[in-house]
C-alpha atoms as a PDB file:
ATOM      1  CA  MET A   1      -0.008   0.192   0.007  1.00  0.00           C
ATOM      2  CA  PRO A   2       1.254   3.571  -0.662  1.00  0.00           C
ATOM      3  CA  VAL A   3       2.635   6.153   2.104  1.00  0.00           C
ATOM      4  CA  VAL A   4       0.285   9.244   1.901  1.00  0.00           C
ATOM      5  CA  LEU A   5       1.978  12.549   3.117  1.00  0.00           C
ATOM      6  CA  GLY A   6      -0.707  14.662   4.449  1.00  0.00           C
ATOM      7  CA  LEU A   7       0.201  18.597   4.859  1.00  0.00           C
ATOM      8  CA  GLU A   8      -1.910  20.546   7.453  1.00  0.00           C
ATOM      9  CA  GLY A   9      -1.844  24.446   7.445  1.00  0.00           C
ATOM     10  CA  SER A  10      -4.482  25.830   9.540  1.00  0.00           C
ATOM     11  CA  ALA A  11      -4.727  29.196  11.193  1.00  0.00           C
ATOM     12  CA  ASN A  12      -1.646  29.011  13.252  1.00  0.00           C
ATOM     13  CA  LYS A  13      -0.284  25.730  12.973  1.00  0.00           C
ATOM     14  CA  VAL A  14       1.771  23.638  10.121  1.00  0.00           C
ATOM     15  CA  GLY A  15       1.637  19.949  10.177  1.00  0.00           C
ATOM     16  CA  ALA A  16       3.165  16.834   8.136  1.00  0.00           C
ATOM     17  CA  GLY A  17       1.815  13.466   8.813  1.00  0.00           C
ATOM     18  CA  LEU A  18       2.596   9.938   7.003  1.00  0.00           C
ATOM     19  CA  VAL A  19       0.219   7.290   7.006  1.00  0.00           C
ATOM     20  CA  ARG A  20       0.269   3.876   5.341  1.00  0.00           C
ATOM     21  CA  ASP A  21      -2.461   1.296   5.521  1.00  0.00           C
ATOM     22  CA  GLY A  22      -3.978   2.622   8.666  1.00  0.00           C
ATOM     23  CA  GLN A  23      -0.900   3.229  10.750  1.00  0.00           C
ATOM     24  CA  VAL A  24       0.617   6.760  11.413  1.00  0.00           C
ATOM     25  CA  LEU A  25       4.092   6.651  10.664  1.00  0.00           C
ATOM     26  CA  SER A  26       4.946  10.105  11.541  1.00  0.00           C
ATOM     27  CA  ASN A  27       3.049  13.336  12.755  1.00  0.00           C
ATOM     28  CA  PRO A  28       5.311  16.345  13.713  1.00  0.00           C
ATOM     29  CA  ARG A  29       3.446  19.706  14.046  1.00  0.00           C
ATOM     30  CA  ALA A  30       4.574  23.282  14.877  1.00  0.00           C
ATOM     31  CA  THR A  31       2.154  25.986  16.562  1.00  0.00           C
ATOM     32  CA  TYR A  32       2.627  29.878  16.291  1.00  0.00           C
ATOM     33  CA  VAL A  33       1.769  31.593  19.843  1.00  0.00           C
ATOM     34  CA  THR A  34       1.088  35.105  19.846  1.00  0.00           C
ATOM     35  CA  ALA A  35       1.406  37.646  22.901  1.00  0.00           C
ATOM     36  CA  PRO A  36      -2.121  37.703  25.165  1.00  0.00           C
ATOM     37  CA  GLY A  37      -4.528  39.829  23.693  1.00  0.00           C
ATOM     38  CA  GLN A  38      -3.749  39.180  19.767  1.00  0.00           C
ATOM     39  CA  GLY A  39      -5.722  36.783  17.524  1.00  0.00           C
ATOM     40  CA  PRO A  40      -4.028  33.673  16.953  1.00  0.00           C
ATOM     41  CA  GLY A  41      -5.181  32.970  13.513  1.00  0.00           C
ATOM     42  CA  MET A  42      -3.166  33.858  10.234  1.00  0.00           C
ATOM     43  CA  GLY A  43      -4.220  33.458   6.601  1.00  0.00           C
ATOM     44  CA  ALA A  44      -0.849  32.680   5.107  1.00  0.00           C
ATOM     45  CA  PRO A  45      -0.466  29.165   6.211  1.00  0.00           C
ATOM     46  CA  LEU A  46      -3.349  28.035   4.130  1.00  0.00           C
ATOM     47  CA  ALA A  47      -2.150  29.059   1.114  1.00  0.00           C
ATOM     48  CA  THR A  48       1.552  28.405   1.783  1.00  0.00           C
ATOM     49  CA  VAL A  49       0.823  24.721   2.557  1.00  0.00           C
ATOM     50  CA  ALA A  50      -1.135  24.665  -0.568  1.00  0.00           C
ATOM     51  CA  ALA A  51       1.484  25.590  -2.735  1.00  0.00           C
ATOM     52  CA  VAL A  52       3.990  23.347  -1.246  1.00  0.00           C
ATOM     53  CA  ALA A  53       1.870  20.389  -1.695  1.00  0.00           C
ATOM     54  CA  ARG A  54       1.231  21.251  -5.285  1.00  0.00           C
ATOM     55  CA  THR A  55       4.957  21.679  -5.837  1.00  0.00           C
ATOM     56  CA  LEU A  56       5.688  18.335  -4.263  1.00  0.00           C
ATOM     57  CA  ALA A  57       2.848  16.614  -6.394  1.00  0.00           C
ATOM     58  CA  GLN A  58       4.653  17.814  -9.460  1.00  0.00           C
ATOM     59  CA  LEU A  59       8.237  17.678  -8.226  1.00  0.00           C
ATOM     60  CA  TRP A  60       7.630  13.723  -7.294  1.00  0.00           C
ATOM     61  CA  GLY A  61       5.334  12.758 -10.023  1.00  0.00           C
ATOM     62  CA  ARG A  62       2.742  11.708  -7.333  1.00  0.00           C
ATOM     63  CA  PRO A  63      -1.358  12.539  -7.143  1.00  0.00           C
ATOM     64  CA  LEU A  64      -2.514  15.334  -5.326  1.00  0.00           C
ATOM     65  CA  LEU A  65      -5.413  14.699  -3.041  1.00  0.00           C
ATOM     66  CA  GLY A  66      -7.431  17.864  -1.728  1.00  0.00           C
ATOM     67  CA  VAL A  67      -8.756  17.163   1.604  1.00  0.00           C
ATOM     68  CA  ASN A  68     -11.805  18.753   3.468  1.00  0.00           C
ATOM     69  CA  HIS A  69     -10.237  19.838   6.772  1.00  0.00           C
ATOM     70  CA  CYS A  70     -13.303  18.429   8.696  1.00  0.00           C
ATOM     71  CA  VAL A  71     -13.454  15.350   7.084  1.00  0.00           C
ATOM     72  CA  GLY A  72      -9.870  14.790   7.897  1.00  0.00           C
ATOM     73  CA  HIS A  73     -10.978  15.101  11.688  1.00  0.00           C
ATOM     74  CA  ILE A  74     -13.499  12.383  11.093  1.00  0.00           C
ATOM     75  CA  GLU A  75     -11.555  10.098   9.360  1.00  0.00           C
ATOM     76  CA  MET A  76      -8.769  10.483  11.853  1.00  0.00           C
ATOM     77  CA  GLY A  77     -11.192   9.898  14.892  1.00  0.00           C
ATOM     78  CA  ARG A  78     -12.798   6.993  13.087  1.00  0.00           C
ATOM     79  CA  LEU A  79      -9.127   5.337  12.508  1.00  0.00           C
ATOM     80  CA  VAL A  80      -7.801   6.111  16.280  1.00  0.00           C
ATOM     81  CA  CYS A  81     -10.826   5.007  17.954  1.00  0.00           C
ATOM     82  CA  GLY A  82     -12.038   2.079  15.828  1.00  0.00           C
ATOM     83  CA  ALA A  83     -15.563   3.830  14.977  1.00  0.00           C
ATOM     84  CA  ARG A  84     -17.265   2.241  12.409  1.00  0.00           C
ATOM     85  CA  ASP A  85     -20.247   4.532  11.884  1.00  0.00           C
ATOM     86  CA  PRO A  86     -20.528   7.079  14.989  1.00  0.00           C
ATOM     87  CA  LEU A  87     -22.654  10.380  15.429  1.00  0.00           C
ATOM     88  CA  VAL A  88     -20.051  12.886  15.113  1.00  0.00           C
ATOM     89  CA  LEU A  89     -19.409  16.084  17.276  1.00  0.00           C
ATOM     90  CA  TYR A  90     -16.898  18.375  15.658  1.00  0.00           C
ATOM     91  CA  VAL A  91     -15.826  21.266  17.748  1.00  0.00           C
ATOM     92  CA  SER A  92     -12.991  23.484  16.725  1.00  0.00           C
ATOM     93  CA  GLY A  93     -12.276  27.266  16.511  1.00  0.00           C
ATOM     94  CA  GLY A  94     -13.946  27.581  13.221  1.00  0.00           C
ATOM     95  CA  ASN A  95     -16.453  24.768  13.357  1.00  0.00           C
ATOM     96  CA  THR A  96     -19.297  23.511  15.503  1.00  0.00           C
ATOM     97  CA  GLN A  97     -21.223  20.883  13.955  1.00  0.00           C
ATOM     98  CA  VAL A  98     -23.069  17.728  14.769  1.00  0.00           C
ATOM     99  CA  ILE A  99     -22.746  15.087  11.802  1.00  0.00           C
ATOM    100  CA  ALA A 100     -24.207  11.745  10.642  1.00  0.00           C
ATOM    101  CA  PHE A 101     -22.976   9.500   7.581  1.00  0.00           C
ATOM    102  CA  SER A 102     -25.832   8.772   5.300  1.00  0.00           C
ATOM    103  CA  ARG A 103     -25.911   8.103   1.458  1.00  0.00           C
ATOM    104  CA  ARG A 104     -21.840   8.879   0.845  1.00  0.00           C
ATOM    105  CA  ARG A 105     -22.135  12.173   2.532  1.00  0.00           C
ATOM    106  CA  TYR A 106     -21.544  13.323   5.932  1.00  0.00           C
ATOM    107  CA  ARG A 107     -24.489  15.106   6.874  1.00  0.00           C
ATOM    108  CA  ILE A 108     -24.595  18.282   9.186  1.00  0.00           C
ATOM    109  CA  LEU A 109     -27.665  17.552  11.464  1.00  0.00           C
ATOM    110  CA  GLY A 110     -27.011  20.621  13.544  1.00  0.00           C
ATOM    111  CA  GLU A 111     -24.432  23.482  14.095  1.00  0.00           C
ATOM    112  CA  THR A 112     -23.536  26.952  15.362  1.00  0.00           C
ATOM    113  CA  LEU A 113     -25.800  29.707  13.887  1.00  0.00           C
ATOM    114  CA  ASP A 114     -23.076  32.278  14.664  1.00  0.00           C
ATOM    115  CA  VAL A 115     -19.390  31.755  16.090  1.00  0.00           C
ATOM    116  CA  ALA A 116     -18.006  28.426  16.540  1.00  0.00           C
ATOM    117  CA  VAL A 117     -17.304  27.247  20.064  1.00  0.00           C
ATOM    118  CA  GLY A 118     -13.523  27.459  19.794  1.00  0.00           C
ATOM    119  CA  ASN A 119     -13.831  30.784  18.502  1.00  0.00           C
ATOM    120  CA  CYS A 120     -15.981  32.004  21.318  1.00  0.00           C
ATOM    121  CA  LEU A 121     -13.549  30.691  23.886  1.00  0.00           C
ATOM    122  CA  ASP A 122     -10.551  32.173  21.920  1.00  0.00           C
ATOM    123  CA  ARG A 123     -12.540  35.700  21.933  1.00  0.00           C
ATOM    124  CA  PHE A 124     -13.239  35.492  25.663  1.00  0.00           C
ATOM    125  CA  ALA A 125      -9.511  34.560  26.464  1.00  0.00           C
ATOM    126  CA  ARG A 126      -8.317  37.530  24.496  1.00  0.00           C
ATOM    127  CA  GLY A 127     -10.615  39.965  26.022  1.00  0.00           C
ATOM    128  CA  LEU A 128      -9.014  38.877  29.458  1.00  0.00           C
ATOM    129  CA  GLN A 129      -5.752  38.736  28.376  1.00  0.00           C
ATOM    130  CA  ILE A 130      -5.386  34.897  28.893  1.00  0.00           C
ATOM    131  CA  SER A 131      -2.170  33.459  27.311  1.00  0.00           C
ATOM    132  CA  ASN A 132      -2.204  32.029  24.055  1.00  0.00           C
ATOM    133  CA  ASP A 133       0.306  29.296  25.223  1.00  0.00           C
ATOM    134  CA  PRO A 134      -0.096  26.480  24.210  1.00  0.00           C
ATOM    135  CA  SER A 135      -3.556  27.691  23.524  1.00  0.00           C
ATOM    136  CA  PRO A 136      -6.517  29.843  24.956  1.00  0.00           C
ATOM    137  CA  GLY A 137      -8.899  26.805  25.282  1.00  0.00           C
ATOM    138  CA  TYR A 138      -6.406  24.991  27.173  1.00  0.00           C
ATOM    139  CA  ASN A 139      -5.803  27.916  29.552  1.00  0.00           C
ATOM    140  CA  ILE A 140      -9.306  28.456  30.301  1.00  0.00           C
ATOM    141  CA  GLU A 141      -9.787  24.670  30.935  1.00  0.00           C
ATOM    142  CA  GLN A 142      -7.010  25.131  33.494  1.00  0.00           C
ATOM    143  CA  LEU A 143      -8.376  28.023  34.833  1.00  0.00           C
ATOM    144  CA  ALA A 144     -12.103  26.594  35.056  1.00  0.00           C
ATOM    145  CA  LYS A 145     -10.782  23.711  37.285  1.00  0.00           C
ATOM    146  CA  LYS A 146     -10.288  26.309  40.052  1.00  0.00           C
ATOM    147  CA  GLY A 147     -13.607  28.027  39.687  1.00  0.00           C
ATOM    148  CA  THR A 148     -16.341  27.568  42.463  1.00  0.00           C
ATOM    149  CA  LYS A 149     -19.298  30.117  41.254  1.00  0.00           C
ATOM    150  CA  LEU A 150     -21.316  29.331  38.296  1.00  0.00           C
ATOM    151  CA  LEU A 151     -22.731  32.202  36.872  1.00  0.00           C
ATOM    152  CA  GLU A 152     -26.143  32.375  35.023  1.00  0.00           C
ATOM    153  CA  LEU A 153     -25.280  32.897  31.197  1.00  0.00           C
ATOM    154  CA  PRO A 154     -27.233  33.215  28.071  1.00  0.00           C
ATOM    155  CA  TYR A 155     -28.266  29.540  26.672  1.00  0.00           C
ATOM    156  CA  VAL A 156     -29.368  29.180  23.048  1.00  0.00           C
ATOM    157  CA  VAL A 157     -30.315  25.745  21.726  1.00  0.00           C
ATOM    158  CA  LYS A 158     -32.761  25.690  18.881  1.00  0.00           C
ATOM    159  CA  GLY A 159     -33.577  22.133  18.017  1.00  0.00           C
ATOM    160  CA  LEU A 160     -30.252  20.715  16.846  1.00  0.00           C
ATOM    161  CA  ASP A 161     -28.174  24.014  16.400  1.00  0.00           C
ATOM    162  CA  VAL A 162     -26.698  26.244  18.808  1.00  0.00           C
ATOM    163  CA  SER A 163     -25.880  29.904  19.217  1.00  0.00           C
ATOM    164  CA  PHE A 164     -23.187  31.496  21.142  1.00  0.00           C
ATOM    165  CA  SER A 165     -22.712  34.904  20.020  1.00  0.00           C
ATOM    166  CA  GLY A 166     -25.400  36.440  22.633  1.00  0.00           C
ATOM    167  CA  LEU A 167     -23.588  34.469  25.153  1.00  0.00           C
ATOM    168  CA  LEU A 168     -20.274  35.711  24.360  1.00  0.00           C
ATOM    169  CA  SER A 169     -21.434  39.464  24.176  1.00  0.00           C
ATOM    170  CA  HIS A 170     -23.136  39.042  27.497  1.00  0.00           C
ATOM    171  CA  ILE A 171     -20.070  37.707  29.513  1.00  0.00           C
ATOM    172  CA  GLU A 172     -17.625  39.974  27.666  1.00  0.00           C
ATOM    173  CA  ALA A 173     -19.731  42.988  28.882  1.00  0.00           C
ATOM    174  CA  VAL A 174     -20.534  41.798  32.640  1.00  0.00           C
ATOM    175  CA  ALA A 175     -16.658  40.463  33.216  1.00  0.00           C
ATOM    176  CA  PRO A 176     -15.153  43.980  33.947  1.00  0.00           C
ATOM    177  CA  GLN A 177     -17.634  44.640  36.526  1.00  0.00           C
ATOM    178  CA  LEU A 178     -18.113  41.515  38.055  1.00  0.00           C
ATOM    179  CA  LEU A 179     -14.121  41.299  38.619  1.00  0.00           C
ATOM    180  CA  ALA A 180     -13.843  44.822  40.071  1.00  0.00           C
ATOM    181  CA  SER A 181     -16.582  44.152  42.285  1.00  0.00           C
ATOM    182  CA  GLY A 182     -15.150  40.918  43.573  1.00  0.00           C
ATOM    183  CA  GLU A 183     -18.336  39.138  42.714  1.00  0.00           C
ATOM    184  CA  ALA A 184     -16.741  36.635  40.661  1.00  0.00           C
ATOM    185  CA  THR A 185     -13.034  35.603  39.926  1.00  0.00           C
ATOM    186  CA  VAL A 186     -11.385  34.916  36.575  1.00  0.00           C
ATOM    187  CA  GLU A 187     -11.772  31.180  37.378  1.00  0.00           C
ATOM    188  CA  ASP A 188     -15.126  31.650  38.133  1.00  0.00           C
ATOM    189  CA  LEU A 189     -15.775  33.115  34.610  1.00  0.00           C
ATOM    190  CA  CYS A 190     -13.839  30.222  32.703  1.00  0.00           C
ATOM    191  CA  PHE A 191     -15.846  27.696  35.052  1.00  0.00           C
ATOM    192  CA  SER A 192     -19.135  29.254  33.812  1.00  0.00           C
ATOM    193  CA  LEU A 193     -18.420  29.771  30.527  1.00  0.00           C
ATOM    194  CA  GLN A 194     -17.369  26.212  29.781  1.00  0.00           C
ATOM    195  CA  GLU A 195     -20.130  24.700  31.540  1.00  0.00           C
ATOM    196  CA  THR A 196     -22.860  26.463  29.654  1.00  0.00           C
ATOM    197  CA  VAL A 197     -21.339  26.195  26.077  1.00  0.00           C
ATOM    198  CA  PHE A 198     -20.406  22.460  26.789  1.00  0.00           C
ATOM    199  CA  ALA A 199     -24.011  21.677  28.260  1.00  0.00           C
ATOM    200  CA  MET A 200     -25.362  23.006  24.874  1.00  0.00           C
ATOM    201  CA  LEU A 201     -23.178  20.732  23.057  1.00  0.00           C
ATOM    202  CA  VAL A 202     -24.023  17.916  24.811  1.00  0.00           C
ATOM    203  CA  GLU A 203     -27.871  18.566  24.854  1.00  0.00           C
ATOM    204  CA  VAL A 204     -27.794  18.831  20.939  1.00  0.00           C
ATOM    205  CA  THR A 205     -25.432  15.786  20.572  1.00  0.00           C
ATOM    206  CA  GLU A 206     -27.730  13.544  22.662  1.00  0.00           C
ATOM    207  CA  ARG A 207     -30.655  15.026  20.749  1.00  0.00           C
ATOM    208  CA  ALA A 208     -29.135  13.765  17.675  1.00  0.00           C
ATOM    209  CA  ALA A 209     -27.871  10.221  19.134  1.00  0.00           C
ATOM    210  CA  ALA A 210     -31.603   9.457  19.861  1.00  0.00           C
ATOM    211  CA  GLN A 211     -32.684  10.409  16.477  1.00  0.00           C
ATOM    212  CA  CYS A 212     -30.037   8.493  14.648  1.00  0.00           C
ATOM    213  CA  ARG A 213     -29.933   5.751  17.246  1.00  0.00           C
ATOM    214  CA  SER A 214     -26.138   5.648  17.258  1.00  0.00           C
ATOM    215  CA  PRO A 215     -24.281   3.185  19.225  1.00  0.00           C
ATOM    216  CA  GLU A 216     -21.304   5.673  19.225  1.00  0.00           C
ATOM    217  CA  VAL A 217     -20.598   9.289  19.448  1.00  0.00           C
ATOM    218  CA  LEU A 218     -17.053  10.548  18.069  1.00  0.00           C
ATOM    219  CA  LEU A 219     -15.628  13.645  19.305  1.00  0.00           C
ATOM    220  CA  VAL A 220     -13.133  15.569  17.106  1.00  0.00           C
ATOM    221  CA  GLY A 221     -11.533  19.167  16.691  1.00  0.00           C
ATOM    222  CA  GLY A 222      -9.282  20.947  18.854  1.00  0.00           C
ATOM    223  CA  VAL A 223     -12.195  21.773  21.418  1.00  0.00           C
ATOM    224  CA  GLY A 224     -12.411  17.827  21.567  1.00  0.00           C
ATOM    225  CA  CYS A 225      -9.500  17.988  23.747  1.00  0.00           C
ATOM    226  CA  ASN A 226     -10.936  19.295  26.645  1.00  0.00           C
ATOM    227  CA  GLU A 227     -11.222  16.858  29.649  1.00  0.00           C
ATOM    228  CA  ARG A 228     -14.534  18.733  30.939  1.00  0.00           C
ATOM    229  CA  LEU A 229     -16.031  18.283  27.652  1.00  0.00           C
ATOM    230  CA  GLN A 230     -15.187  14.587  27.226  1.00  0.00           C
ATOM    231  CA  GLU A 231     -16.515  14.026  31.067  1.00  0.00           C
ATOM    232  CA  MET A 232     -19.870  15.842  30.145  1.00  0.00           C
ATOM    233  CA  LEU A 233     -20.376  13.767  26.849  1.00  0.00           C
ATOM    234  CA  GLY A 234     -19.078  10.753  28.636  1.00  0.00           C
ATOM    235  CA  THR A 235     -21.725  10.992  31.211  1.00  0.00           C
ATOM    236  CA  MET A 236     -24.539  11.326  28.694  1.00  0.00           C
ATOM    237  CA  CYS A 237     -23.424   8.361  26.721  1.00  0.00           C
ATOM    238  CA  SER A 238     -23.139   6.192  29.429  1.00  0.00           C
ATOM    239  CA  ALA A 239     -27.018   7.150  30.652  1.00  0.00           C
ATOM    240  CA  ARG A 240     -27.785   5.834  27.210  1.00  0.00           C
ATOM    241  CA  GLY A 241     -25.471   2.938  26.736  1.00  0.00           C
ATOM    242  CA  ILE A 242     -23.500   4.785  24.067  1.00  0.00           C
ATOM    243  CA  ARG A 243     -19.909   4.686  23.361  1.00  0.00           C
ATOM    244  CA  LEU A 244     -17.852   7.848  23.695  1.00  0.00           C
ATOM    245  CA  CYS A 245     -14.935   7.855  21.200  1.00  0.00           C
ATOM    246  CA  ALA A 246     -12.397  10.763  22.127  1.00  0.00           C
ATOM    247  CA  THR A 247      -8.730  11.246  21.562  1.00  0.00           C
ATOM    248  CA  ASP A 248      -6.285  13.387  23.236  1.00  0.00           C
ATOM    249  CA  GLU A 249      -4.487  16.576  21.693  1.00  0.00           C
ATOM    250  CA  ARG A 250      -2.113  14.351  19.310  1.00  0.00           C
ATOM    251  CA  PHE A 251      -5.256  13.594  17.147  1.00  0.00           C
ATOM    252  CA  CYS A 252      -7.726  16.316  18.340  1.00  0.00           C
ATOM    253  CA  VAL A 253      -5.678  19.555  17.355  1.00  0.00           C
ATOM    254  CA  ASP A 254      -5.208  20.180  13.620  1.00  0.00           C
ATOM    255  CA  ASN A 255      -2.516  17.647  12.322  1.00  0.00           C
ATOM    256  CA  GLY A 256      -0.773  16.505   9.330  1.00  0.00           C
ATOM    257  CA  ALA A 257      -1.724  12.632   9.715  1.00  0.00           C
ATOM    258  CA  MET A 258      -5.434  13.429   9.617  1.00  0.00           C
ATOM    259  CA  ILE A 259      -5.223  15.346   6.282  1.00  0.00           C
ATOM    260  CA  ALA A 260      -2.662  11.820   4.977  1.00  0.00           C
ATOM    261  CA  GLN A 261      -5.340   9.756   6.473  1.00  0.00           C
ATOM    262  CA  ALA A 262      -8.350  11.297   4.745  1.00  0.00           C
ATOM    263  CA  GLY A 263      -6.039  11.245   1.621  1.00  0.00           C
ATOM    264  CA  TRP A 264      -5.481   7.763   1.670  1.00  0.00           C
ATOM    265  CA  GLU A 265      -9.274   6.829   1.949  1.00  0.00           C
ATOM    266  CA  MET A 266      -9.665   9.331  -1.117  1.00  0.00           C
ATOM    267  CA  LEU A 267      -6.732   7.618  -2.816  1.00  0.00           C
ATOM    268  CA  ARG A 268      -7.984   3.709  -2.377  1.00  0.00           C
ATOM    269  CA  SER A 269     -11.410   5.009  -3.842  1.00  0.00           C
ATOM    270  CA  GLY A 270      -9.867   6.538  -6.748  1.00  0.00           C
ATOM    271  CA  GLN A 271     -10.314  10.255  -5.942  1.00  0.00           C
ATOM    272  CA  VAL A 272      -7.638  12.336  -7.197  1.00  0.00           C
ATOM    273  CA  THR A 273      -7.315  16.353  -7.475  1.00  0.00           C
ATOM    274  CA  ASP A 274      -6.200  17.965 -10.679  1.00  0.00           C
ATOM    275  CA  ILE A 275      -3.482  20.296  -9.915  1.00  0.00           C
ATOM    276  CA  ALA A 276      -5.326  23.127 -11.994  1.00  0.00           C
ATOM    277  CA  ARG A 277      -8.490  22.797 -10.061  1.00  0.00           C
ATOM    278  CA  SER A 278      -6.761  22.744  -6.608  1.00  0.00           C
ATOM    279  CA  GLY A 279      -6.616  25.501  -4.160  1.00  0.00           C
ATOM    280  CA  VAL A 280      -8.038  26.873  -0.484  1.00  0.00           C
ATOM    281  CA  THR A 281     -11.580  26.879  -0.279  1.00  0.00           C
ATOM    282  CA  GLN A 282     -12.268  28.411   3.187  1.00  0.00           C
ATOM    283  CA  ARG A 283     -16.129  27.707   2.812  1.00  0.00           C
ATOM    284  CA  TYR A 284     -15.917  24.072   1.816  1.00  0.00           C
ATOM    285  CA  ARG A 285     -18.466  22.540   3.738  1.00  0.00           C
ATOM    286  CA  THR A 286     -18.530  18.947   5.405  1.00  0.00           C
ATOM    287  CA  ASP A 287     -21.478  17.941   3.370  1.00  0.00           C
ATOM    288  CA  GLU A 288     -20.158  18.792  -0.080  1.00  0.00           C
ATOM    289  CA  VAL A 289     -17.712  15.960   0.051  1.00  0.00           C
ATOM    290  CA  GLU A 290     -18.568  12.580  -1.724  1.00  0.00           C
ATOM    291  CA  VAL A 291     -17.784  10.033   0.829  1.00  0.00           C
ATOM    292  CA  THR A 292     -16.626   7.315  -1.995  1.00  0.00           C
ATOM    293  CA  TRP A 293     -14.789   5.215   0.524  1.00  0.00           C
ATOM    294  CA  ARG A 294     -17.735   4.345   2.689  1.00  0.00           C
ATOM    295  CA  ASP A 295     -20.649   2.071   1.992  1.00  0.00           C
END
């Protein structure tokens, strides 16, 4: 079987992974960390890595495989966890989606109506000057462990969709006053934010799992590393007799191996990208991909 090289260039990460026949051979990754208060995202890595991939394909005479970012997360999760046909909760800086496979597509059952959960956490961290090293979400998670006061925050769930913009605007508005008056600490704010947004995610995931009668829930995306989110989903899954499939930061956070694994699946089913038609499409939705490698 061929070895597939996967190149990942997300907002602030560059990764290169090697996969062969379901085995991850290598998966190094580098992250650019900004100072507190600055945005972590950059557009250049996306275009740069795409150019590198096109160059290597032509230099080496190898097929080019254009991979959808979300599909890469899903296929990596399916591989690592051995999940056959799971309901997927995809949570990251740019996306929040509840996904199920049907008729050769990953169907989006529910999603955020505005900002993604990871973006919500990042923007909250930016406002409070929480460090970006190693990531805003990780530091919020550690601070939340020390929080003791649960503040009431806006909670918006509409069927299988969620909305975070109102919650974010509210907590950004009240945080200075709460901190100045001593009514809440930074730890309390992080704790309250996490508990609220994760409860929303668990609710829509449980509703989708009941509708789909899914035996497994697969948690993917950078926010999927959060141990509290995994704990809350695990409680829900245990109550329903569902297996929770989750991984650690090696495969949750954007990485080259996930691109390689999705590319390997595409290659074995005959999907190859014409170099003349390749490029970066930021709004390439999950359900636009024809999943030819699954029955």
